[in-house]
Amino acid sequence: MGTNLALALVKKCIFALSWLVPRNANKAVLGCYKNRFADNSKYLFLHWQQTHFMQTIWISGDKALIHALRQQGYTAHSRWSLLGIYHALTAKYYVYNSYIGDINQWLAAGAIRINLWHGSPLKKIEFDITTGPLAPKYQTQSLWQAGLQALRYHQEYVRPSLMLSPSPLVGESFRRAFRLKEDSLLSSTNPRTDYYLRYPEQRQTLPLKADATAYRRVILYAPSWRDALWQNSQNVASHSTPHLTGGHSDSPYQAAFDWQSLSQHLVDTDTLLLLRLHPNERHYAAQFCAYPNVLDISDWDNIYGILHRVDLLITDYSSLFIDVLPLEIPVLFYRFDHEQYLNQSRDCYDIGQDPLSIGQVAYQFDDLLALLQEMSHLNAKPQPCEAYKQLQRLYWSQHAMGSSADSLATDGLSIDGVSMVCVSMVGISMNERHDDSFARLERHLRQGQTQSYKLAFGTDIKPQI
């Protein structure tokens, strides 16, 4: 304990000393969790590479990824290489999807930290977490304990300078969960949902059938990460907490599906199932991808480039369904471990509306298969119900549905008892191609509205895109 505490103090001192290094106001370093090239920071990086808004460098601990990015003509460096350290110390902007450790958690003091969080707040996040295995990280009983946790979980306790908020509901969640000031929130959508609207020619294609024709329907199955299952795997020697799988196997998806029956249904209805497991669980997917018409895409960097081809999203507690709301993709919730999940994992935010109201719900595989068979007979995508539209407005008031704006819409909402007003981004003059998250963030940075309170060098950010 003493050695670990001393090491944590040394690292904290290194972090503090990095504040003394002058930073280049025209340079940003970007990175992603698990050393991947994915999510919001990826799309902002690609956009800035095309517009040359400022100097951008990708930082990662994956040498193969660094090599691949360089082969494509991008500037990328390993985290602890000399150039990686240099750019982490001298860039004014840190852009990441989870924590500053996506780039370098020990060299970020004095930088403007832009957290483009990788999801939407459905399950409680960060300092809002009061239940489940992650709660002890954030909930402390004294200042002494809080100080120790800040040393142990350094990057989780470093507050972002700026986050994007597509609606008051999301903004309020981020403000509390990350302990933000009001001026640390920028009303905007996200790069991950905007990129393929701005660059539709870069959308991905799906594999064709053996006869070189496309599948009639495409279903995306993207379940949430079961953090309680992860906690159990960390304590495999302990039997005090049962696995969510009830002992069938380490995979919660083996017992939850009759994969043979599901595959037969997919073949009979000319349907492709895209299997997208959470990065912490993607090793489970290998045992299912041998079934016909099941394609494992768990190792894909992102799925936003294929959402235009998805006819149905199947999920459980994942916030991905929030990202598909503007696209009006039908949602089917399959919660095969409903009771266990609620008892062992994080709570969800109370948004004043039951998310399940926007689509069909199944708790057993037979019910899921029956719903899929029923939906397979539909010749056209169903129109979203009123509950679906209401949830669109709650989560995406800054989206201006369909990337157009005609009128002003105002709706009352409540999150965990806090009343707010949700005003959609309508009734304002805008160029629908250039009033997205990229344009809003660039305007914000040009105006210097987020300050780092330290010396900076280099040229100012270019005044125009």
Foldseek 3Di string as FASTA:
>chain_A
DVVLLVVLVVLQVLLVVLLAFFAAQQEEEEFEPPQFCFAQRNLLQVVCVVVVLGHYEYEGQDVVVCVVCVVVVGHYDYCPDPVLLVNLSHHQEYEYAPWSVRRPLRNNALHQYEHAHRFFAFFQAALRWCAFPCNVLRDDDDPVSVVVSCSVVVGSLDAHLAYEAQWPLRVVSCCVRRVDDPLRYFHADTSLLQNCVLVVVPFDDDDDDPVRHHFPAEEEEEEDDLVLLVVCVVVVVDPPDDHLCNPPDSDVVPVQEPLQVVLVVCVVLSYAYEYAYAPVPLVVCPVRCVRPRYHYPNVPNDCSSCLVRHQEYEYASGRVVLSCLLVQRAYEYEAQSVVVSCNHHTHTKCWVADPCVFHHYHRGHVVVVVVVVVVSPDPDRDGTDPSSVVSCQRRRLACCRPLAADDWDWDWIDIPRRIDIIIHPHPDDDDSSQPHPSNSVSVCSLVVSRGSPGHHDHDHRDPDD
